Amino acid sequence: MGLLKNLQETPVIKQVLKVVKNKYILTTALFLIWIFFLDTNNLIVWYKDLKQLATQNREKAYYKNAIQQAEEKLKELASNKDSLEKFAREQYFFHQQDEDVYVVEDTE
């Protein structure tokens, strides 16, 4: 008991206890703890939402690029009959009446 009483009487401890016992500082600290960690929109949820937003932005850029490539391919196919025939033969194995189609698959 004497040691605890001696610790409480030191000027540094008195100053710390005075600050900790201040109702405004205590209320502010509790409010910040509540907002940052316990609320439904806390820092953890906010961080996860930020990561999800970044992922969705990357996906958006990927799909915009894919759409642009598909539109270019469509323009090419619509403008050139030879490229349309090549596409049909490669993708859908189309052939003419007197031709045979052989499909060779990679085993790797």
PDB file of N, CA and C in Angstrom:
ATOM      1  N   MET A   1       0.815  -1.193   0.000  1.00  0.00           N
ATOM      2  CA  MET A   1       0.000   0.000   0.000  1.00  0.00           C
ATOM      3  C   MET A   1       0.858   1.256   0.000  1.00  0.00           C
ATOM      4  N   GLY A   2       1.926   1.238   0.748  1.00  0.00           N
ATOM      5  CA  GLY A   2       2.776   2.411   0.845  1.00  0.00           C
ATOM      6  C   GLY A   2       3.408   2.748  -0.489  1.00  0.00           C
ATOM      7  N   LEU A   3       3.791   1.706  -1.261  1.00  0.00           N
ATOM      8  CA  LEU A   3       4.409   1.924  -2.569  1.00  0.00           C
ATOM      9  C   LEU A   3       3.409   2.542  -3.542  1.00  0.00           C
ATOM     10  N   LEU A   4       2.163   2.057  -3.518  1.00  0.00           N
ATOM     11  CA  LEU A   4       1.129   2.594  -4.385  1.00  0.00           C
ATOM     12  C   LEU A   4       0.816   4.042  -4.028  1.00  0.00           C
ATOM     13  N   LYS A   5       0.811   4.326  -2.756  1.00  0.00           N
ATOM     14  CA  LYS A   5       0.540   5.690  -2.303  1.00  0.00           C
ATOM     15  C   LYS A   5       1.683   6.617  -2.710  1.00  0.00           C
ATOM     16  N   ASN A   6       2.927   6.113  -2.639  1.00  0.00           N
ATOM     17  CA  ASN A   6       4.073   6.915  -3.048  1.00  0.00           C
ATOM     18  C   ASN A   6       4.052   7.186  -4.553  1.00  0.00           C
ATOM     19  N   LEU A   7       3.592   6.189  -5.359  1.00  0.00           N
ATOM     20  CA  LEU A   7       3.504   6.375  -6.800  1.00  0.00           C
ATOM     21  C   LEU A   7       2.460   7.432  -7.153  1.00  0.00           C
ATOM     22  N   GLN A   8       1.370   7.445  -6.434  1.00  0.00           N
ATOM     23  CA  GLN A   8       0.298   8.398  -6.713  1.00  0.00           C
ATOM     24  C   GLN A   8       0.702   9.826  -6.369  1.00  0.00           C
ATOM     25  N   GLU A   9       1.671   9.956  -5.522  1.00  0.00           N
ATOM     26  CA  GLU A   9       2.062  11.290  -5.082  1.00  0.00           C
ATOM     27  C   GLU A   9       3.131  11.918  -5.980  1.00  0.00           C
ATOM     28  N   THR A  10       3.684  11.169  -6.912  1.00  0.00           N
ATOM     29  CA  THR A  10       4.698  11.753  -7.792  1.00  0.00           C
ATOM     30  C   THR A  10       4.022  12.740  -8.741  1.00  0.00           C
ATOM     31  N   PRO A  11       4.709  13.802  -9.121  1.00  0.00           N
ATOM     32  CA  PRO A  11       4.095  14.846  -9.951  1.00  0.00           C
ATOM     33  C   PRO A  11       3.655  14.338 -11.335  1.00  0.00           C
ATOM     34  N   VAL A  12       4.422  13.425 -11.915  1.00  0.00           N
ATOM     35  CA  VAL A  12       4.069  12.918 -13.244  1.00  0.00           C
ATOM     36  C   VAL A  12       2.780  12.117 -13.169  1.00  0.00           C
ATOM     37  N   ILE A  13       2.657  11.252 -12.184  1.00  0.00           N
ATOM     38  CA  ILE A  13       1.455  10.421 -12.019  1.00  0.00           C
ATOM     39  C   ILE A  13       0.262  11.315 -11.726  1.00  0.00           C
ATOM     40  N   LYS A  14       0.450  12.328 -10.912  1.00  0.00           N
ATOM     41  CA  LYS A  14      -0.651  13.238 -10.601  1.00  0.00           C
ATOM     42  C   LYS A  14      -1.141  13.930 -11.872  1.00  0.00           C
ATOM     43  N   GLN A  15      -0.216  14.333 -12.717  1.00  0.00           N
ATOM     44  CA  GLN A  15      -0.585  15.006 -13.950  1.00  0.00           C
ATOM     45  C   GLN A  15      -1.327  14.047 -14.898  1.00  0.00           C
ATOM     46  N   VAL A  16      -0.859  12.811 -14.990  1.00  0.00           N
ATOM     47  CA  VAL A  16      -1.510  11.820 -15.840  1.00  0.00           C
ATOM     48  C   VAL A  16      -2.904  11.512 -15.319  1.00  0.00           C
ATOM     49  N   LEU A  17      -3.038  11.320 -14.025  1.00  0.00           N
ATOM     50  CA  LEU A  17      -4.350  11.043 -13.442  1.00  0.00           C
ATOM     51  C   LEU A  17      -5.297  12.225 -13.645  1.00  0.00           C
ATOM     52  N   LYS A  18      -4.763  13.428 -13.573  1.00  0.00           N
ATOM     53  CA  LYS A  18      -5.580  14.612 -13.767  1.00  0.00           C
ATOM     54  C   LYS A  18      -6.117  14.647 -15.201  1.00  0.00           C
ATOM     55  N   VAL A  19      -5.282  14.308 -16.160  1.00  0.00           N
ATOM     56  CA  VAL A  19      -5.708  14.292 -17.555  1.00  0.00           C
ATOM     57  C   VAL A  19      -6.699  13.159 -17.798  1.00  0.00           C
ATOM     58  N   VAL A  20      -6.434  11.986 -17.232  1.00  0.00           N
ATOM     59  CA  VAL A  20      -7.305  10.823 -17.438  1.00  0.00           C
ATOM     60  C   VAL A  20      -8.663  11.054 -16.787  1.00  0.00           C
ATOM     61  N   LYS A  21      -8.695  11.719 -15.668  1.00  0.00           N
ATOM     62  CA  LYS A  21      -9.949  11.971 -14.954  1.00  0.00           C
ATOM     63  C   LYS A  21     -10.748  13.121 -15.564  1.00  0.00           C
ATOM     64  N   ASN A  22     -10.160  13.867 -16.488  1.00  0.00           N
ATOM     65  CA  ASN A  22     -10.869  14.963 -17.127  1.00  0.00           C
ATOM     66  C   ASN A  22     -12.008  14.386 -17.961  1.00  0.00           C
ATOM     67  N   LYS A  23     -13.240  14.824 -17.686  1.00  0.00           N
ATOM     68  CA  LYS A  23     -14.413  14.227 -18.333  1.00  0.00           C
ATOM     69  C   LYS A  23     -14.462  14.519 -19.833  1.00  0.00           C
ATOM     70  N   TYR A  24     -13.925  15.635 -20.262  1.00  0.00           N
ATOM     71  CA  TYR A  24     -13.946  15.968 -21.677  1.00  0.00           C
ATOM     72  C   TYR A  24     -12.967  15.091 -22.471  1.00  0.00           C
ATOM     73  N   ILE A  25     -11.798  14.896 -21.929  1.00  0.00           N
ATOM     74  CA  ILE A  25     -10.813  14.035 -22.594  1.00  0.00           C
ATOM     75  C   ILE A  25     -11.297  12.592 -22.593  1.00  0.00           C
ATOM     76  N   LEU A  26     -11.856  12.148 -21.495  1.00  0.00           N
ATOM     77  CA  LEU A  26     -12.379  10.783 -21.398  1.00  0.00           C
ATOM     78  C   LEU A  26     -13.521  10.578 -22.394  1.00  0.00           C
ATOM     79  N   THR A  27     -14.422  11.550 -22.481  1.00  0.00           N
ATOM     80  CA  THR A  27     -15.544  11.447 -23.415  1.00  0.00           C
ATOM     81  C   THR A  27     -15.044  11.445 -24.865  1.00  0.00           C
ATOM     82  N   THR A  28     -14.088  12.292 -25.161  1.00  0.00           N
ATOM     83  CA  THR A  28     -13.528  12.338 -26.511  1.00  0.00           C
ATOM     84  C   THR A  28     -12.841  11.023 -26.860  1.00  0.00           C
ATOM     85  N   ALA A  29     -12.087  10.477 -25.934  1.00  0.00           N
ATOM     86  CA  ALA A  29     -11.403   9.201 -26.165  1.00  0.00           C
ATOM     87  C   ALA A  29     -12.414   8.080 -26.402  1.00  0.00           C
ATOM     88  N   LEU A  30     -13.452   8.020 -25.586  1.00  0.00           N
ATOM     89  CA  LEU A  30     -14.476   6.991 -25.774  1.00  0.00           C
ATOM     90  C   LEU A  30     -15.197   7.173 -27.115  1.00  0.00           C
ATOM     91  N   PHE A  31     -15.470   8.412 -27.466  1.00  0.00           N
ATOM     92  CA  PHE A  31     -16.114   8.689 -28.749  1.00  0.00           C
ATOM     93  C   PHE A  31     -15.244   8.216 -29.913  1.00  0.00           C
ATOM     94  N   LEU A  32     -13.950   8.525 -29.866  1.00  0.00           N
ATOM     95  CA  LEU A  32     -13.046   8.111 -30.937  1.00  0.00           C
ATOM     96  C   LEU A  32     -12.920   6.592 -31.015  1.00  0.00           C
ATOM     97  N   ILE A  33     -12.844   5.938 -29.880  1.00  0.00           N
ATOM     98  CA  ILE A  33     -12.793   4.464 -29.862  1.00  0.00           C
ATOM     99  C   ILE A  33     -14.063   3.896 -30.477  1.00  0.00           C
ATOM    100  N   TRP A  34     -15.195   4.480 -30.111  1.00  0.00           N
ATOM    101  CA  TRP A  34     -16.476   4.016 -30.651  1.00  0.00           C
ATOM    102  C   TRP A  34     -16.521   4.197 -32.172  1.00  0.00           C
ATOM    103  N   ILE A  35     -16.155   5.372 -32.643  1.00  0.00           N
ATOM    104  CA  ILE A  35     -16.235   5.664 -34.074  1.00  0.00           C
ATOM    105  C   ILE A  35     -15.233   4.822 -34.876  1.00  0.00           C
ATOM    106  N   PHE A  36     -14.013   4.702 -34.399  1.00  0.00           N
ATOM    107  CA  PHE A  36     -12.983   4.020 -35.174  1.00  0.00           C
ATOM    108  C   PHE A  36     -13.053   2.501 -35.117  1.00  0.00           C
ATOM    109  N   PHE A  37     -13.586   1.928 -34.055  1.00  0.00           N
ATOM    110  CA  PHE A  37     -13.524   0.477 -33.902  1.00  0.00           C
ATOM    111  C   PHE A  37     -14.868  -0.212 -33.693  1.00  0.00           C
ATOM    112  N   LEU A  38     -15.845   0.427 -33.083  1.00  0.00           N
ATOM    113  CA  LEU A  38     -17.067  -0.269 -32.697  1.00  0.00           C
ATOM    114  C   LEU A  38     -18.272   0.059 -33.575  1.00  0.00           C
ATOM    115  N   ASP A  39     -18.244   1.150 -34.289  1.00  0.00           N
ATOM    116  CA  ASP A  39     -19.368   1.570 -35.107  1.00  0.00           C
ATOM    117  C   ASP A  39     -19.505   0.650 -36.321  1.00  0.00           C
ATOM    118  N   THR A  40     -20.675   0.678 -36.973  1.00  0.00           N
ATOM    119  CA  THR A  40     -20.878  -0.181 -38.145  1.00  0.00           C
ATOM    120  C   THR A  40     -20.024   0.280 -39.325  1.00  0.00           C
ATOM    121  N   ASN A  41     -19.645   1.541 -39.361  1.00  0.00           N
ATOM    122  CA  ASN A  41     -18.767   2.063 -40.420  1.00  0.00           C
ATOM    123  C   ASN A  41     -17.399   2.382 -39.839  1.00  0.00           C
ATOM    124  N   ASN A  42     -16.798   1.411 -39.196  1.00  0.00           N
ATOM    125  CA  ASN A  42     -15.508   1.644 -38.535  1.00  0.00           C
ATOM    126  C   ASN A  42     -14.360   1.601 -39.534  1.00  0.00           C
ATOM    127  N   LEU A  43     -13.153   1.749 -39.034  1.00  0.00           N
ATOM    128  CA  LEU A  43     -11.972   1.782 -39.904  1.00  0.00           C
ATOM    129  C   LEU A  43     -11.776   0.488 -40.674  1.00  0.00           C
ATOM    130  N   ILE A  44     -12.074  -0.635 -40.054  1.00  0.00           N
ATOM    131  CA  ILE A  44     -11.879  -1.932 -40.707  1.00  0.00           C
ATOM    132  C   ILE A  44     -12.826  -2.063 -41.905  1.00  0.00           C
ATOM    133  N   VAL A  45     -14.085  -1.713 -41.701  1.00  0.00           N
ATOM    134  CA  VAL A  45     -15.061  -1.776 -42.792  1.00  0.00           C
ATOM    135  C   VAL A  45     -14.685  -0.775 -43.880  1.00  0.00           C
ATOM    136  N   TRP A  46     -14.248   0.389 -43.472  1.00  0.00           N
ATOM    137  CA  TRP A  46     -13.836   1.421 -44.421  1.00  0.00           C
ATOM    138  C   TRP A  46     -12.670   0.948 -45.271  1.00  0.00           C
ATOM    139  N   TYR A  47     -11.692   0.297 -44.655  1.00  0.00           N
ATOM    140  CA  TYR A  47     -10.527  -0.225 -45.379  1.00  0.00           C
ATOM    141  C   TYR A  47     -10.949  -1.320 -46.362  1.00  0.00           C
ATOM    142  N   LYS A  48     -11.832  -2.222 -45.924  1.00  0.00           N
ATOM    143  CA  LYS A  48     -12.302  -3.285 -46.818  1.00  0.00           C
ATOM    144  C   LYS A  48     -13.062  -2.696 -48.005  1.00  0.00           C
ATOM    145  N   ASP A  49     -13.885  -1.675 -47.738  1.00  0.00           N
ATOM    146  CA  ASP A  49     -14.623  -1.031 -48.820  1.00  0.00           C
ATOM    147  C   ASP A  49     -13.675  -0.351 -49.808  1.00  0.00           C
ATOM    148  N   LEU A  50     -12.618   0.249 -49.299  1.00  0.00           N
ATOM    149  CA  LEU A  50     -11.634   0.891 -50.164  1.00  0.00           C
ATOM    150  C   LEU A  50     -10.939  -0.137 -51.054  1.00  0.00           C
ATOM    151  N   LYS A  51     -10.582  -1.300 -50.475  1.00  0.00           N
ATOM    152  CA  LYS A  51      -9.959  -2.367 -51.263  1.00  0.00           C
ATOM    153  C   LYS A  51     -10.921  -2.877 -52.334  1.00  0.00           C
ATOM    154  N   GLN A  52     -12.189  -3.036 -51.970  1.00  0.00           N
ATOM    155  CA  GLN A  52     -13.179  -3.520 -52.918  1.00  0.00           C
ATOM    156  C   GLN A  52     -13.373  -2.504 -54.050  1.00  0.00           C
ATOM    157  N   LEU A  53     -13.374  -1.231 -53.716  1.00  0.00           N
ATOM    158  CA  LEU A  53     -13.503  -0.190 -54.726  1.00  0.00           C
ATOM    159  C   LEU A  53     -12.324  -0.222 -55.697  1.00  0.00           C
ATOM    160  N   ALA A  54     -11.121  -0.406 -55.163  1.00  0.00           N
ATOM    161  CA  ALA A  54      -9.937  -0.485 -56.024  1.00  0.00           C
ATOM    162  C   ALA A  54     -10.022  -1.703 -56.949  1.00  0.00           C
ATOM    163  N   THR A  55     -10.483  -2.823 -56.422  1.00  0.00           N
ATOM    164  CA  THR A  55     -10.638  -4.036 -57.230  1.00  0.00           C
ATOM    165  C   THR A  55     -11.671  -3.808 -58.335  1.00  0.00           C
ATOM    166  N   GLN A  56     -12.770  -3.171 -57.983  1.00  0.00           N
ATOM    167  CA  GLN A  56     -13.808  -2.919 -58.983  1.00  0.00           C
ATOM    168  C   GLN A  56     -13.337  -1.929 -60.046  1.00  0.00           C
ATOM    169  N   ASN A  57     -12.527  -0.968 -59.666  1.00  0.00           N
ATOM    170  CA  ASN A  57     -11.982  -0.037 -60.656  1.00  0.00           C
ATOM    171  C   ASN A  57     -11.045  -0.749 -61.629  1.00  0.00           C
ATOM    172  N   ARG A  58     -10.239  -1.703 -61.111  1.00  0.00           N
ATOM    173  CA  ARG A  58      -9.378  -2.489 -61.990  1.00  0.00           C
ATOM    174  C   ARG A  58     -10.216  -3.342 -62.946  1.00  0.00           C
ATOM    175  N   GLU A  59     -11.281  -3.966 -62.421  1.00  0.00           N
ATOM    176  CA  GLU A  59     -12.158  -4.768 -63.269  1.00  0.00           C
ATOM    177  C   GLU A  59     -12.840  -3.899 -64.328  1.00  0.00           C
ATOM    178  N   LYS A  60     -13.243  -2.704 -63.931  1.00  0.00           N
ATOM    179  CA  LYS A  60     -13.884  -1.779 -64.862  1.00  0.00           C
ATOM    180  C   LYS A  60     -12.942  -1.440 -66.019  1.00  0.00           C
ATOM    181  N   ALA A  61     -11.688  -1.162 -65.692  1.00  0.00           N
ATOM    182  CA  ALA A  61     -10.700  -0.850 -66.732  1.00  0.00           C
ATOM    183  C   ALA A  61     -10.477  -2.065 -67.634  1.00  0.00           C
ATOM    184  N   TYR A  62     -10.410  -3.257 -67.036  1.00  0.00           N
ATOM    185  CA  TYR A  62     -10.213  -4.485 -67.818  1.00  0.00           C
ATOM    186  C   TYR A  62     -11.367  -4.684 -68.797  1.00  0.00           C
ATOM    187  N   TYR A  63     -12.608  -4.532 -68.307  1.00  0.00           N
ATOM    188  CA  TYR A  63     -13.758  -4.767 -69.169  1.00  0.00           C
ATOM    189  C   TYR A  63     -13.910  -3.684 -70.233  1.00  0.00           C
ATOM    190  N   LYS A  64     -13.535  -2.444 -69.919  1.00  0.00           N
ATOM    191  CA  LYS A  64     -13.551  -1.402 -70.938  1.00  0.00           C
ATOM    192  C   LYS A  64     -12.576  -1.756 -72.062  1.00  0.00           C
ATOM    193  N   ASN A  65     -11.404  -2.246 -71.690  1.00  0.00           N
ATOM    194  CA  ASN A  65     -10.407  -2.658 -72.673  1.00  0.00           C
ATOM    195  C   ASN A  65     -10.929  -3.841 -73.494  1.00  0.00           C
ATOM    196  N   ALA A  66     -11.563  -4.799 -72.840  1.00  0.00           N
ATOM    197  CA  ALA A  66     -12.101  -5.967 -73.539  1.00  0.00           C
ATOM    198  C   ALA A  66     -13.212  -5.558 -74.508  1.00  0.00           C
ATOM    199  N   ILE A  67     -14.045  -4.625 -74.094  1.00  0.00           N
ATOM    200  CA  ILE A  67     -15.122  -4.140 -74.971  1.00  0.00           C
ATOM    201  C   ILE A  67     -14.528  -3.437 -76.180  1.00  0.00           C
ATOM    202  N   GLN A  68     -13.517  -2.630 -75.948  1.00  0.00           N
ATOM    203  CA  GLN A  68     -12.876  -1.910 -77.046  1.00  0.00           C
ATOM    204  C   GLN A  68     -12.256  -2.891 -78.048  1.00  0.00           C
ATOM    205  N   GLN A  69     -11.604  -3.935 -77.553  1.00  0.00           N
ATOM    206  CA  GLN A  69     -11.016  -4.937 -78.445  1.00  0.00           C
ATOM    207  C   GLN A  69     -12.096  -5.684 -79.222  1.00  0.00           C
ATOM    208  N   ALA A  70     -13.196  -6.010 -78.545  1.00  0.00           N
ATOM    209  CA  ALA A  70     -14.284  -6.716 -79.218  1.00  0.00           C
ATOM    210  C   ALA A  70     -14.914  -5.847 -80.301  1.00  0.00           C
ATOM    211  N   GLU A  71     -15.059  -4.545 -80.019  1.00  0.00           N
ATOM    212  CA  GLU A  71     -15.619  -3.641 -81.028  1.00  0.00           C
ATOM    213  C   GLU A  71     -14.689  -3.515 -82.237  1.00  0.00           C
ATOM    214  N   GLU A  72     -13.387  -3.466 -81.993  1.00  0.00           N
ATOM    215  CA  GLU A  72     -12.430  -3.412 -83.104  1.00  0.00           C
ATOM    216  C   GLU A  72     -12.511  -4.683 -83.943  1.00  0.00           C
ATOM    217  N   LYS A  73     -12.614  -5.813 -83.266  1.00  0.00           N
ATOM    218  CA  LYS A  73     -12.721  -7.099 -83.966  1.00  0.00           C
ATOM    219  C   LYS A  73     -14.014  -7.144 -84.791  1.00  0.00           C
ATOM    220  N   LEU A  74     -15.087  -6.637 -84.217  1.00  0.00           N
ATOM    221  CA  LEU A  74     -16.370  -6.610 -84.921  1.00  0.00           C
ATOM    222  C   LEU A  74     -16.300  -5.720 -86.165  1.00  0.00           C
ATOM    223  N   LYS A  75     -15.653  -4.552 -86.028  1.00  0.00           N
ATOM    224  CA  LYS A  75     -15.489  -3.674 -87.196  1.00  0.00           C
ATOM    225  C   LYS A  75     -14.685  -4.376 -88.286  1.00  0.00           C
ATOM    226  N   GLU A  76     -13.631  -5.061 -87.878  1.00  0.00           N
ATOM    227  CA  GLU A  76     -12.794  -5.770 -88.847  1.00  0.00           C
ATOM    228  C   GLU A  76     -13.589  -6.873 -89.542  1.00  0.00           C
ATOM    229  N   LEU A  77     -14.370  -7.621 -88.769  1.00  0.00           N
ATOM    230  CA  LEU A  77     -15.151  -8.710 -89.351  1.00  0.00           C
ATOM    231  C   LEU A  77     -16.246  -8.180 -90.266  1.00  0.00           C
ATOM    232  N   ALA A  78     -16.834  -7.052 -89.907  1.00  0.00           N
ATOM    233  CA  ALA A  78     -17.917  -6.495 -90.717  1.00  0.00           C
ATOM    234  C   ALA A  78     -17.392  -5.877 -92.011  1.00  0.00           C
ATOM    235  N   SER A  79     -16.150  -5.416 -91.998  1.00  0.00           N
ATOM    236  CA  SER A  79     -15.636  -4.715 -93.171  1.00  0.00           C
ATOM    237  C   SER A  79     -14.919  -5.626 -94.168  1.00  0.00           C
ATOM    238  N   ASN A  80     -14.437  -6.773 -93.715  1.00  0.00           N
ATOM    239  CA  ASN A  80     -13.630  -7.615 -94.582  1.00  0.00           C
ATOM    240  C   ASN A  80     -14.210  -9.032 -94.610  1.00  0.00           C
ATOM    241  N   LYS A  81     -14.622  -9.477 -95.799  1.00  0.00           N
ATOM    242  CA  LYS A  81     -15.231 -10.799 -95.924  1.00  0.00           C
ATOM    243  C   LYS A  81     -14.219 -11.923 -95.670  1.00  0.00           C
ATOM    244  N   ASP A  82     -12.973 -11.716 -96.083  1.00  0.00           N
ATOM    245  CA  ASP A  82     -11.951 -12.736 -95.871  1.00  0.00           C
ATOM    246  C   ASP A  82     -11.687 -12.954 -94.374  1.00  0.00           C
ATOM    247  N   SER A  83     -11.651 -11.859 -93.595  1.00  0.00           N
ATOM    248  CA  SER A  83     -11.417 -12.015 -92.154  1.00  0.00           C
ATOM    249  C   SER A  83     -12.617 -12.677 -91.485  1.00  0.00           C
ATOM    250  N   LEU A  84     -13.831 -12.430 -92.004  1.00  0.00           N
ATOM    251  CA  LEU A  84     -15.023 -13.082 -91.457  1.00  0.00           C
ATOM    252  C   LEU A  84     -14.965 -14.581 -91.714  1.00  0.00           C
ATOM    253  N   GLU A  85     -14.548 -14.957 -92.910  1.00  0.00           N
ATOM    254  CA  GLU A  85     -14.430 -16.384 -93.236  1.00  0.00           C
ATOM    255  C   GLU A  85     -13.352 -17.041 -92.369  1.00  0.00           C
ATOM    256  N   LYS A  86     -12.228 -16.355 -92.194  1.00  0.00           N
ATOM    257  CA  LYS A  86     -11.148 -16.887 -91.360  1.00  0.00           C
ATOM    258  C   LYS A  86     -11.625 -17.071 -89.914  1.00  0.00           C
ATOM    259  N   PHE A  87     -12.343 -16.091 -89.405  1.00  0.00           N
ATOM    260  CA  PHE A  87     -12.871 -16.170 -88.041  1.00  0.00           C
ATOM    261  C   PHE A  87     -13.830 -17.356 -87.890  1.00  0.00           C
ATOM    262  N   ALA A  88     -14.735 -17.508 -88.857  1.00  0.00           N
ATOM    263  CA  ALA A  88     -15.707 -18.607 -88.792  1.00  0.00           C
ATOM    264  C   ALA A  88     -15.011 -19.958 -88.855  1.00  0.00           C
ATOM    265  N   ARG A  89     -13.987 -20.078 -89.673  1.00  0.00           N
ATOM    266  CA  ARG A  89     -13.264 -21.338 -89.786  1.00  0.00           C
ATOM    267  C   ARG A  89     -12.493 -21.654 -88.502  1.00  0.00           C
ATOM    268  N   GLU A  90     -11.849 -20.634 -87.912  1.00  0.00           N
ATOM    269  CA  GLU A  90     -11.026 -20.875 -86.721  1.00  0.00           C
ATOM    270  C   GLU A  90     -11.866 -21.094 -85.465  1.00  0.00           C
ATOM    271  N   GLN A  91     -12.897 -20.298 -85.301  1.00  0.00           N
ATOM    272  CA  GLN A  91     -13.659 -20.353 -84.057  1.00  0.00           C
ATOM    273  C   GLN A  91     -14.762 -21.422 -84.062  1.00  0.00           C
ATOM    274  N   TYR A  92     -15.420 -21.573 -85.196  1.00  0.00           N
ATOM    275  CA  TYR A  92     -16.581 -22.460 -85.245  1.00  0.00           C
ATOM    276  C   TYR A  92     -16.396 -23.655 -86.179  1.00  0.00           C
ATOM    277  N   PHE A  93     -15.179 -23.831 -86.711  1.00  0.00           N
ATOM    278  CA  PHE A  93     -14.832 -24.980 -87.551  1.00  0.00           C
ATOM    279  C   PHE A  93     -15.741 -25.090 -88.775  1.00  0.00           C
ATOM    280  N   PHE A  94     -16.099 -23.963 -89.338  1.00  0.00           N
ATOM    281  CA  PHE A  94     -16.889 -23.982 -90.570  1.00  0.00           C
ATOM    282  C   PHE A  94     -16.012 -24.486 -91.707  1.00  0.00           C
ATOM    283  N   HIS A  95     -16.652 -25.139 -92.663  1.00  0.00           N
ATOM    284  CA  HIS A  95     -15.898 -25.625 -93.821  1.00  0.00           C
ATOM    285  C   HIS A  95     -16.812 -25.619 -95.039  1.00  0.00           C
ATOM    286  N   GLN A  96     -16.186 -25.733 -96.192  1.00  0.00           N
ATOM    287  CA  GLN A  96     -16.961 -25.775 -97.430  1.00  0.00           C
ATOM    288  C   GLN A  96     -17.354 -27.220 -97.711  1.00  0.00           C
ATOM    289  N   GLN A  97     -18.150 -27.414 -98.741  1.00  0.00           N
ATOM    290  CA  GLN A  97     -18.710 -28.731 -99.042  1.00  0.00           C
ATOM    291  C   GLN A  97     -17.645 -29.806 -99.246  1.00  0.00           C
ATOM    292  N   ASP A  98     -16.614 -29.515 -99.952  1.00  0.00           N
ATOM    293  CA  ASP A  98     -15.640 -30.537-100.311  1.00  0.00           C
ATOM    294  C   ASP A  98     -14.430 -30.567 -99.376  1.00  0.00           C
ATOM    295  N   GLU A  99     -14.495 -29.944 -98.202  1.00  0.00           N
ATOM    296  CA  GLU A  99     -13.364 -29.896 -97.280  1.00  0.00           C
ATOM    297  C   GLU A  99     -13.620 -30.749 -96.042  1.00  0.00           C
ATOM    298  N   ASP A 100     -12.529 -31.225 -95.473  1.00  0.00           N
ATOM    299  CA  ASP A 100     -12.585 -31.903 -94.182  1.00  0.00           C
ATOM    300  C   ASP A 100     -11.889 -31.016 -93.153  1.00  0.00           C
ATOM    301  N   VAL A 101     -12.394 -31.032 -91.916  1.00  0.00           N
ATOM    302  CA  VAL A 101     -11.799 -30.213 -90.858  1.00  0.00           C
ATOM    303  C   VAL A 101     -11.184 -31.143 -89.830  1.00  0.00           C
ATOM    304  N   TYR A 102      -9.916 -30.912 -89.527  1.00  0.00           N
ATOM    305  CA  TYR A 102      -9.219 -31.674 -88.509  1.00  0.00           C
ATOM    306  C   TYR A 102      -8.866 -30.725 -87.357  1.00  0.00           C
ATOM    307  N   VAL A 103      -9.204 -31.116 -86.153  1.00  0.00           N
ATOM    308  CA  VAL A 103      -8.926 -30.288 -84.976  1.00  0.00           C
ATOM    309  C   VAL A 103      -7.761 -30.925 -84.226  1.00  0.00           C
ATOM    310  N   VAL A 104      -6.690 -30.146 -84.052  1.00  0.00           N
ATOM    311  CA  VAL A 104      -5.517 -30.611 -83.330  1.00  0.00           C
ATOM    312  C   VAL A 104      -5.455 -29.839 -82.025  1.00  0.00           C
ATOM    313  N   GLU A 105      -5.486 -30.577 -80.925  1.00  0.00           N
ATOM    314  CA  GLU A 105      -5.471 -29.931 -79.605  1.00  0.00           C
ATOM    315  C   GLU A 105      -4.111 -30.096 -78.961  1.00  0.00           C
ATOM    316  N   ASP A 106      -3.679 -29.074 -78.242  1.00  0.00           N
ATOM    317  CA  ASP A 106      -2.440 -29.161 -77.470  1.00  0.00           C
ATOM    318  C   ASP A 106      -2.691 -29.986 -76.216  1.00  0.00           C
ATOM    319  N   THR A 107      -1.739 -30.847 -75.860  1.00  0.00           N
ATOM    320  CA  THR A 107      -1.888 -31.649 -74.645  1.00  0.00           C
ATOM    321  C   THR A 107      -1.243 -30.978 -73.458  1.00  0.00           C
ATOM    322  N   GLU A 108      -0.564 -29.877 -73.682  1.00  0.00           N
ATOM    323  CA  GLU A 108       0.148 -29.185 -72.586  1.00  0.00           C
ATOM    324  C   GLU A 108      -0.780 -28.363 -71.785  1.00  0.00           C
TER     325      GLU A 108
END
